Structure formats: C-alpha cells, structure tokens
C-alpha cells in the first residue's frame, strides 16, 4: 500500500468515526446521551488495537512483540463488538438515524479490526513464516469472538482483564465448558468469528500479498 493510500485509509476511518458521532449529537431526541455517549467510548476502544498493531508492525526489538501483541489481542474484540451495539435499536421517529449511526460504527469497527489484524499478520509472517502468520490469524479471530461474548453477555471489558482476571477467567470457563447451555452466546460467537474472518479474507485478497504492512515494513527485528 502506498503512502497516499495509507493516508486515505486513516482519514476515511476517522471520518466514519466522526460521522457516527455527528449522527448522535444531532439527534434531537437524545443529544450527547443515548446512544452517543457509550458509542463514542466503544469507538475509542475500537481504535486501540490499531495503535498497538502499528507498534507491533514497526518495533525493531523482538522483545517488544510479546507485550504489544498481548495488548493488541486484549483490545481486538472491541472492534467487532460494535456490531452488537445494534441490540440497543428501538422503534421510534429517529430509528433511521440510529440505524445509520450503529451501521456506520459497526463498519468502522470491522475495518479497524481487519487493519490491525493485517498489521500483526504480516509482521509475524515476515518474522516466522506464512504458517505462523495464518495460524495467528485463525487463533486471533477465535479469541476475538470469545471476547465479544465476554463483553456483550458477561459484561466484562478489556480493562477487567487487568483488574479482575480471575473473575473473567472463571465466568468464561463456565461458558466454554458448556457452550450449548447458552445457545445465544455460542451462536453470536460463531457468527462474529465467521463474519470477521470473511471480512479479513475479503480485504486481504484485495490488498494482495504485501498487505497494509508494506508501508510500515521494518527489517527483521533484533533480539
């Protein structure tokens, strides 16, 4: 990807984020409160994995790959999580506005997730080979779907992984042990994984073998 295209991509994502906010603050029925307040927060969280992935893609020392990779993976579910915010849609005179607002936010979240995943994928591919790169993609998408379920149905967030890791692990393991006990959560996890995976494959095929990281490419990291 050329420098110009990279700039256009970033500006487009910033613009769609801003559009989602504008649709909310110009809503005469609920300005700056519902659904804009939490949607702005969720959009901010959705940008976090891109920042960590950019660091992951450009850092020179391999020792930084682990903390940056863990931080990226912890925040990655916030990107596709924006799709689930549509659960808040209710009938009303401003329904069209909220549909557009949630739709734009969901689109932005998915593309942010794809961009960050591509950055991590390409760095791992350069460092350790194609097999490791694609294995990381598959595992990350699976864990990302799990993270969406943790956030939407168990009501944990990325910060809870730091402040209450034992509680997050306990409730998550309960669901993993008996996934069919909560069909809704399991169905959402499978749908998120399928959609996010297909979105990644679609964008990856359009970008080609060099991907987004061509512009951010660095020499192989040192120990």
C-alpha atoms as a PDB file:
ATOM      1  CA  UNK A   1       0.000   0.000   0.000  1.00  0.00           C
ATOM      2  CA  UNK A   2       1.368   3.389  -0.988  1.00  0.00           C
ATOM      3  CA  UNK A   3       1.747   6.269   1.414  1.00  0.00           C
ATOM      4  CA  UNK A   4      -1.133   8.121  -0.219  1.00  0.00           C
ATOM      5  CA  UNK A   5      -3.473   5.164   0.137  1.00  0.00           C
ATOM      6  CA  UNK A   6      -2.472   4.725   3.763  1.00  0.00           C
ATOM      7  CA  UNK A   7      -3.341   8.362   4.457  1.00  0.00           C
ATOM      8  CA  UNK A   8      -6.686   7.958   2.678  1.00  0.00           C
ATOM      9  CA  UNK A   9      -7.441   4.816   4.712  1.00  0.00           C
ATOM     10  CA  UNK A  10      -6.736   6.555   8.030  1.00  0.00           C
ATOM     11  CA  UNK A  11      -8.709   9.655   7.053  1.00  0.00           C
ATOM     12  CA  UNK A  12     -11.635   7.521   5.890  1.00  0.00           C
ATOM     13  CA  UNK A  13     -11.764   5.648   9.194  1.00  0.00           C
ATOM     14  CA  UNK A  14     -11.516   8.888  11.164  1.00  0.00           C
ATOM     15  CA  UNK A  15     -14.312  10.345   9.043  1.00  0.00           C
ATOM     16  CA  UNK A  16     -16.643   7.385   9.514  1.00  0.00           C
ATOM     17  CA  UNK A  17     -15.967   7.530  13.255  1.00  0.00           C
ATOM     18  CA  UNK A  18     -16.827  11.216  13.203  1.00  0.00           C
ATOM     19  CA  UNK A  19     -19.960  10.558  11.154  1.00  0.00           C
ATOM     20  CA  UNK A  20     -21.242   8.122  13.764  1.00  0.00           C
ATOM     21  CA  UNK A  21     -20.713  10.759  16.443  1.00  0.00           C
ATOM     22  CA  UNK A  22     -22.336  13.529  14.380  1.00  0.00           C
ATOM     23  CA  UNK A  23     -25.411  11.376  13.766  1.00  0.00           C
ATOM     24  CA  UNK A  24     -25.709  11.088  17.532  1.00  0.00           C
ATOM     25  CA  UNK A  25     -25.109  14.637  18.685  1.00  0.00           C
ATOM     26  CA  UNK A  26     -27.531  15.994  16.090  1.00  0.00           C
ATOM     27  CA  UNK A  27     -30.253  13.611  17.287  1.00  0.00           C
ATOM     28  CA  UNK A  28     -32.985  15.879  18.696  1.00  0.00           C
ATOM     29  CA  UNK A  29     -34.398  13.108  20.892  1.00  0.00           C
ATOM     30  CA  UNK A  30     -31.258  12.255  22.824  1.00  0.00           C
ATOM     31  CA  UNK A  31     -28.261  14.546  22.139  1.00  0.00           C
ATOM     32  CA  UNK A  32     -24.993  13.547  23.795  1.00  0.00           C
ATOM     33  CA  UNK A  33     -26.620  10.814  25.831  1.00  0.00           C
ATOM     34  CA  UNK A  34     -28.207   7.836  24.091  1.00  0.00           C
ATOM     35  CA  UNK A  35     -26.786   6.192  22.152  1.00  0.00           C
ATOM     36  CA  UNK A  36     -23.901   8.573  21.526  1.00  0.00           C
ATOM     37  CA  UNK A  37     -22.112   8.503  24.884  1.00  0.00           C
ATOM     38  CA  UNK A  38     -21.327   4.804  25.062  1.00  0.00           C
ATOM     39  CA  UNK A  39     -20.907   4.558  21.270  1.00  0.00           C
ATOM     40  CA  UNK A  40     -18.137   7.175  21.355  1.00  0.00           C
ATOM     41  CA  UNK A  41     -16.419   5.179  24.100  1.00  0.00           C
ATOM     42  CA  UNK A  42     -16.768   1.944  22.126  1.00  0.00           C
ATOM     43  CA  UNK A  43     -15.362   3.632  19.014  1.00  0.00           C
ATOM     44  CA  UNK A  44     -12.376   4.865  21.016  1.00  0.00           C
ATOM     45  CA  UNK A  45     -11.758   1.332  22.278  1.00  0.00           C
ATOM     46  CA  UNK A  46     -12.052   0.011  18.718  1.00  0.00           C
ATOM     47  CA  UNK A  47      -9.136   2.242  17.691  1.00  0.00           C
ATOM     48  CA  UNK A  48      -6.865   0.841  20.416  1.00  0.00           C
ATOM     49  CA  UNK A  49      -5.914  -2.411  18.609  1.00  0.00           C
ATOM     50  CA  UNK A  50      -4.825  -0.394  15.552  1.00  0.00           C
ATOM     51  CA  UNK A  51      -2.435   1.623  17.700  1.00  0.00           C
ATOM     52  CA  UNK A  52      -0.958  -1.480  19.331  1.00  0.00           C
ATOM     53  CA  UNK A  53      -0.769  -3.268  15.965  1.00  0.00           C
ATOM     54  CA  UNK A  54       1.063  -0.315  14.407  1.00  0.00           C
ATOM     55  CA  UNK A  55       3.615  -0.564  17.201  1.00  0.00           C
ATOM     56  CA  UNK A  56       3.799  -4.329  16.703  1.00  0.00           C
ATOM     57  CA  UNK A  57       4.438  -3.885  12.980  1.00  0.00           C
ATOM     58  CA  UNK A  58       7.167  -1.279  13.338  1.00  0.00           C
ATOM     59  CA  UNK A  59       9.060  -2.089  16.546  1.00  0.00           C
ATOM     60  CA  UNK A  60      12.637  -3.240  15.929  1.00  0.00           C
ATOM     61  CA  UNK A  61      13.277  -5.364  19.002  1.00  0.00           C
ATOM     62  CA  UNK A  62      11.570  -8.740  19.232  1.00  0.00           C
ATOM     63  CA  UNK A  63      11.288  -8.376  22.978  1.00  0.00           C
ATOM     64  CA  UNK A  64       8.528  -5.813  22.445  1.00  0.00           C
ATOM     65  CA  UNK A  65       6.451  -8.125  20.251  1.00  0.00           C
ATOM     66  CA  UNK A  66       5.020 -10.058  23.190  1.00  0.00           C
ATOM     67  CA  UNK A  67       3.675  -7.130  25.292  1.00  0.00           C
ATOM     68  CA  UNK A  68       2.429  -5.309  22.199  1.00  0.00           C
ATOM     69  CA  UNK A  69       0.845  -8.490  20.880  1.00  0.00           C
ATOM     70  CA  UNK A  70      -0.904  -9.226  24.181  1.00  0.00           C
ATOM     71  CA  UNK A  71      -2.206  -5.669  24.424  1.00  0.00           C
ATOM     72  CA  UNK A  72      -3.423  -5.819  20.817  1.00  0.00           C
ATOM     73  CA  UNK A  73      -5.229  -9.120  21.380  1.00  0.00           C
ATOM     74  CA  UNK A  74      -6.841  -7.853  24.589  1.00  0.00           C
ATOM     75  CA  UNK A  75      -8.368  -4.871  22.772  1.00  0.00           C
ATOM     76  CA  UNK A  76      -9.111  -6.563  19.434  1.00  0.00           C
ATOM     77  CA  UNK A  77     -12.648  -7.719  20.418  1.00  0.00           C
ATOM     78  CA  UNK A  78     -13.651  -4.072  20.819  1.00  0.00           C
ATOM     79  CA  UNK A  79     -13.593  -3.687  17.027  1.00  0.00           C
ATOM     80  CA  UNK A  80     -16.254  -6.262  16.004  1.00  0.00           C
ATOM     81  CA  UNK A  81     -18.061  -5.629  19.313  1.00  0.00           C
ATOM     82  CA  UNK A  82     -19.537  -2.506  17.697  1.00  0.00           C
ATOM     83  CA  UNK A  83     -21.751  -4.788  15.592  1.00  0.00           C
ATOM     84  CA  UNK A  84     -23.510  -5.972  18.726  1.00  0.00           C
ATOM     85  CA  UNK A  85     -24.433  -2.422  19.755  1.00  0.00           C
ATOM     86  CA  UNK A  86     -27.384  -2.756  17.386  1.00  0.00           C
ATOM     87  CA  UNK A  87     -29.110  -4.575  20.225  1.00  0.00           C
ATOM     88  CA  UNK A  88     -29.979  -1.101  21.518  1.00  0.00           C
ATOM     89  CA  UNK A  89     -32.069  -0.217  18.482  1.00  0.00           C
ATOM     90  CA  UNK A  90     -35.678   0.592  19.384  1.00  0.00           C
ATOM     91  CA  UNK A  91     -38.610   1.761  17.345  1.00  0.00           C
ATOM     92  CA  UNK A  92     -39.192   5.499  17.165  1.00  0.00           C
ATOM     93  CA  UNK A  93     -39.195   8.543  14.948  1.00  0.00           C
ATOM     94  CA  UNK A  94     -35.380   8.619  14.934  1.00  0.00           C
ATOM     95  CA  UNK A  95     -34.943   4.903  14.210  1.00  0.00           C
ATOM     96  CA  UNK A  96     -33.435   5.640  10.780  1.00  0.00           C
ATOM     97  CA  UNK A  97     -30.813   7.863  12.381  1.00  0.00           C
ATOM     98  CA  UNK A  98     -29.846   5.210  14.909  1.00  0.00           C
ATOM     99  CA  UNK A  99     -29.704   2.521  12.222  1.00  0.00           C
ATOM    100  CA  UNK A 100     -27.283   4.696  10.253  1.00  0.00           C
ATOM    101  CA  UNK A 101     -25.290   5.560  13.370  1.00  0.00           C
ATOM    102  CA  UNK A 102     -24.910   1.950  14.500  1.00  0.00           C
ATOM    103  CA  UNK A 103     -24.289   0.784  10.938  1.00  0.00           C
ATOM    104  CA  UNK A 104     -21.508   3.294  10.336  1.00  0.00           C
ATOM    105  CA  UNK A 105     -19.954   2.465  13.712  1.00  0.00           C
ATOM    106  CA  UNK A 106     -20.127  -1.285  13.019  1.00  0.00           C
ATOM    107  CA  UNK A 107     -18.499  -0.816   9.602  1.00  0.00           C
ATOM    108  CA  UNK A 108     -15.740   1.293  11.133  1.00  0.00           C
ATOM    109  CA  UNK A 109     -15.141  -1.276  13.870  1.00  0.00           C
ATOM    110  CA  UNK A 110     -14.834  -4.168  11.424  1.00  0.00           C
ATOM    111  CA  UNK A 111     -12.378  -2.315   9.183  1.00  0.00           C
ATOM    112  CA  UNK A 112     -10.327  -1.199  12.193  1.00  0.00           C
ATOM    113  CA  UNK A 113     -10.137  -4.811  13.312  1.00  0.00           C
ATOM    114  CA  UNK A 114      -9.137  -6.002   9.841  1.00  0.00           C
ATOM    115  CA  UNK A 115      -6.450  -3.328   9.547  1.00  0.00           C
ATOM    116  CA  UNK A 116      -4.927  -4.207  12.915  1.00  0.00           C
ATOM    117  CA  UNK A 117      -5.083  -7.946  12.194  1.00  0.00           C
ATOM    118  CA  UNK A 118      -3.322  -7.443   8.875  1.00  0.00           C
ATOM    119  CA  UNK A 119      -0.514  -5.495  10.532  1.00  0.00           C
ATOM    120  CA  UNK A 120       0.061  -8.263  13.074  1.00  0.00           C
ATOM    121  CA  UNK A 121      -0.331 -10.995  10.451  1.00  0.00           C
ATOM    122  CA  UNK A 122       2.295  -9.533   8.140  1.00  0.00           C
ATOM    123  CA  UNK A 123       4.813  -8.897  10.902  1.00  0.00           C
ATOM    124  CA  UNK A 124       4.517 -12.473  12.140  1.00  0.00           C
ATOM    125  CA  UNK A 125       4.746 -13.723   8.562  1.00  0.00           C
ATOM    126  CA  UNK A 126       7.972 -11.819   7.979  1.00  0.00           C
ATOM    127  CA  UNK A 127       9.476 -12.960  11.254  1.00  0.00           C
ATOM    128  CA  UNK A 128       8.349 -16.575  11.478  1.00  0.00           C
ATOM    129  CA  UNK A 129       6.859 -17.620   8.132  1.00  0.00           C
ATOM    130  CA  UNK A 130       3.467 -17.904   6.456  1.00  0.00           C
ATOM    131  CA  UNK A 131       2.238 -20.845   8.545  1.00  0.00           C
ATOM    132  CA  UNK A 132       2.727 -18.977  11.817  1.00  0.00           C
ATOM    133  CA  UNK A 133       1.141 -15.860  10.357  1.00  0.00           C
ATOM    134  CA  UNK A 134      -2.051 -17.631   9.281  1.00  0.00           C
ATOM    135  CA  UNK A 135      -2.215 -19.660  12.486  1.00  0.00           C
ATOM    136  CA  UNK A 136      -2.150 -16.382  14.407  1.00  0.00           C
ATOM    137  CA  UNK A 137      -4.982 -15.055  12.243  1.00  0.00           C
ATOM    138  CA  UNK A 138      -7.203 -18.068  12.938  1.00  0.00           C
ATOM    139  CA  UNK A 139      -6.476 -18.116  16.665  1.00  0.00           C
ATOM    140  CA  UNK A 140      -6.933 -14.356  16.968  1.00  0.00           C
ATOM    141  CA  UNK A 141     -10.309 -14.440  15.228  1.00  0.00           C
ATOM    142  CA  UNK A 142     -11.478 -17.245  17.529  1.00  0.00           C
ATOM    143  CA  UNK A 143     -10.320 -15.437  20.668  1.00  0.00           C
ATOM    144  CA  UNK A 144     -11.800 -12.201  19.333  1.00  0.00           C
ATOM    145  CA  UNK A 145     -15.234 -13.831  19.009  1.00  0.00           C
ATOM    146  CA  UNK A 146     -14.849 -15.173  22.532  1.00  0.00           C
ATOM    147  CA  UNK A 147     -14.014 -11.669  23.727  1.00  0.00           C
ATOM    148  CA  UNK A 148     -17.168 -10.255  22.131  1.00  0.00           C
ATOM    149  CA  UNK A 149     -19.266 -12.799  24.035  1.00  0.00           C
ATOM    150  CA  UNK A 150     -17.444 -11.916  27.257  1.00  0.00           C
ATOM    151  CA  UNK A 151     -18.241  -8.251  26.677  1.00  0.00           C
ATOM    152  CA  UNK A 152     -21.801  -8.466  25.421  1.00  0.00           C
ATOM    153  CA  UNK A 153     -23.232 -11.264  27.568  1.00  0.00           C
ATOM    154  CA  UNK A 154     -20.934 -11.445  30.593  1.00  0.00           C
ATOM    155  CA  UNK A 155     -20.454  -7.658  30.655  1.00  0.00           C
ATOM    156  CA  UNK A 156     -16.693  -7.660  31.120  1.00  0.00           C
ATOM    157  CA  UNK A 157     -14.383  -5.288  29.247  1.00  0.00           C
ATOM    158  CA  UNK A 158     -10.719  -5.167  28.257  1.00  0.00           C
ATOM    159  CA  UNK A 159      -9.715  -3.361  31.452  1.00  0.00           C
ATOM    160  CA  UNK A 160     -11.187  -6.172  33.558  1.00  0.00           C
ATOM    161  CA  UNK A 161      -8.501  -8.483  32.153  1.00  0.00           C
ATOM    162  CA  UNK A 162      -6.046  -6.395  34.191  1.00  0.00           C
ATOM    163  CA  UNK A 163      -8.147  -5.591  37.259  1.00  0.00           C
ATOM    164  CA  UNK A 164     -10.210  -8.795  37.669  1.00  0.00           C
ATOM    165  CA  UNK A 165      -8.577 -11.530  35.584  1.00  0.00           C
ATOM    166  CA  UNK A 166      -9.692 -14.312  37.930  1.00  0.00           C
ATOM    167  CA  UNK A 167     -13.373 -13.373  37.671  1.00  0.00           C
ATOM    168  CA  UNK A 168     -13.184 -13.010  33.883  1.00  0.00           C
ATOM    169  CA  UNK A 169     -11.473 -16.392  33.561  1.00  0.00           C
ATOM    170  CA  UNK A 170     -13.961 -18.123  35.875  1.00  0.00           C
ATOM    171  CA  UNK A 171     -17.102 -16.952  34.056  1.00  0.00           C
ATOM    172  CA  UNK A 172     -15.551 -17.570  30.652  1.00  0.00           C
ATOM    173  CA  UNK A 173     -14.503 -21.117  31.543  1.00  0.00           C
ATOM    174  CA  UNK A 174     -18.017 -21.834  32.779  1.00  0.00           C
ATOM    175  CA  UNK A 175     -19.364 -20.934  29.337  1.00  0.00           C
ATOM    176  CA  UNK A 176     -16.591 -22.788  27.460  1.00  0.00           C
ATOM    177  CA  UNK A 177     -17.271 -25.976  29.421  1.00  0.00           C
ATOM    178  CA  UNK A 178     -20.952 -25.938  28.435  1.00  0.00           C
ATOM    179  CA  UNK A 179     -21.369 -23.840  25.274  1.00  0.00           C
ATOM    180  CA  UNK A 180     -24.741 -25.379  24.427  1.00  0.00           C
ATOM    181  CA  UNK A 181     -26.155 -24.281  27.772  1.00  0.00           C
ATOM    182  CA  UNK A 182     -26.317 -20.751  26.358  1.00  0.00           C
ATOM    183  CA  UNK A 183     -27.172 -21.157  22.693  1.00  0.00           C
ATOM    184  CA  UNK A 184     -27.478 -17.411  22.112  1.00  0.00           C
ATOM    185  CA  UNK A 185     -23.936 -16.656  23.281  1.00  0.00           C
ATOM    186  CA  UNK A 186     -22.497 -19.545  21.312  1.00  0.00           C
ATOM    187  CA  UNK A 187     -24.415 -18.561  18.196  1.00  0.00           C
ATOM    188  CA  UNK A 188     -23.203 -14.969  18.429  1.00  0.00           C
ATOM    189  CA  UNK A 189     -19.608 -16.148  18.897  1.00  0.00           C
ATOM    190  CA  UNK A 190     -19.793 -18.344  15.797  1.00  0.00           C
ATOM    191  CA  UNK A 191     -21.442 -15.598  13.752  1.00  0.00           C
ATOM    192  CA  UNK A 192     -18.873 -12.998  14.830  1.00  0.00           C
ATOM    193  CA  UNK A 193     -15.986 -15.351  14.051  1.00  0.00           C
ATOM    194  CA  UNK A 194     -17.410 -16.208  10.632  1.00  0.00           C
ATOM    195  CA  UNK A 195     -18.169 -12.611   9.664  1.00  0.00           C
ATOM    196  CA  UNK A 196     -14.891 -11.190  10.955  1.00  0.00           C
ATOM    197  CA  UNK A 197     -12.935 -13.997   9.290  1.00  0.00           C
ATOM    198  CA  UNK A 198     -14.678 -13.489   5.958  1.00  0.00           C
ATOM    199  CA  UNK A 199     -14.186  -9.727   6.207  1.00  0.00           C
ATOM    200  CA  UNK A 200     -10.472 -10.272   6.760  1.00  0.00           C
ATOM    201  CA  UNK A 201     -10.145 -12.679   3.833  1.00  0.00           C
ATOM    202  CA  UNK A 202     -12.013 -10.248   1.591  1.00  0.00           C
ATOM    203  CA  UNK A 203      -9.804  -7.269   2.424  1.00  0.00           C
ATOM    204  CA  UNK A 204      -6.654  -9.418   2.423  1.00  0.00           C
ATOM    205  CA  UNK A 205      -7.431 -10.624  -1.098  1.00  0.00           C
ATOM    206  CA  UNK A 206      -7.888  -7.025  -2.279  1.00  0.00           C
ATOM    207  CA  UNK A 207      -4.670  -5.804  -0.681  1.00  0.00           C
ATOM    208  CA  UNK A 208      -2.571  -8.580  -2.150  1.00  0.00           C
ATOM    209  CA  UNK A 209       0.474 -10.288  -0.724  1.00  0.00           C
ATOM    210  CA  UNK A 210       2.164  -7.127   0.577  1.00  0.00           C
ATOM    211  CA  UNK A 211      -0.852  -6.006   2.593  1.00  0.00           C
ATOM    212  CA  UNK A 212      -1.083  -2.847   4.641  1.00  0.00           C
ATOM    213  CA  UNK A 213       2.231  -3.517   6.341  1.00  0.00           C
ATOM    214  CA  UNK A 214       4.219  -2.846   3.166  1.00  0.00           C
ATOM    215  CA  UNK A 215       4.193   0.832   4.060  1.00  0.00           C
ATOM    216  CA  UNK A 216       5.130   0.120   7.662  1.00  0.00           C
ATOM    217  CA  UNK A 217       7.605  -2.659   6.933  1.00  0.00           C
ATOM    218  CA  UNK A 218      10.749  -2.815   9.005  1.00  0.00           C
ATOM    219  CA  UNK A 219      13.822  -5.061   8.840  1.00  0.00           C
ATOM    220  CA  UNK A 220      13.689  -8.276  10.798  1.00  0.00           C
ATOM    221  CA  UNK A 221      13.791  -7.447  14.470  1.00  0.00           C
ATOM    222  CA  UNK A 222      16.817  -7.989  16.647  1.00  0.00           C
ATOM    223  CA  UNK A 223      16.790  -9.889  19.862  1.00  0.00           C
END
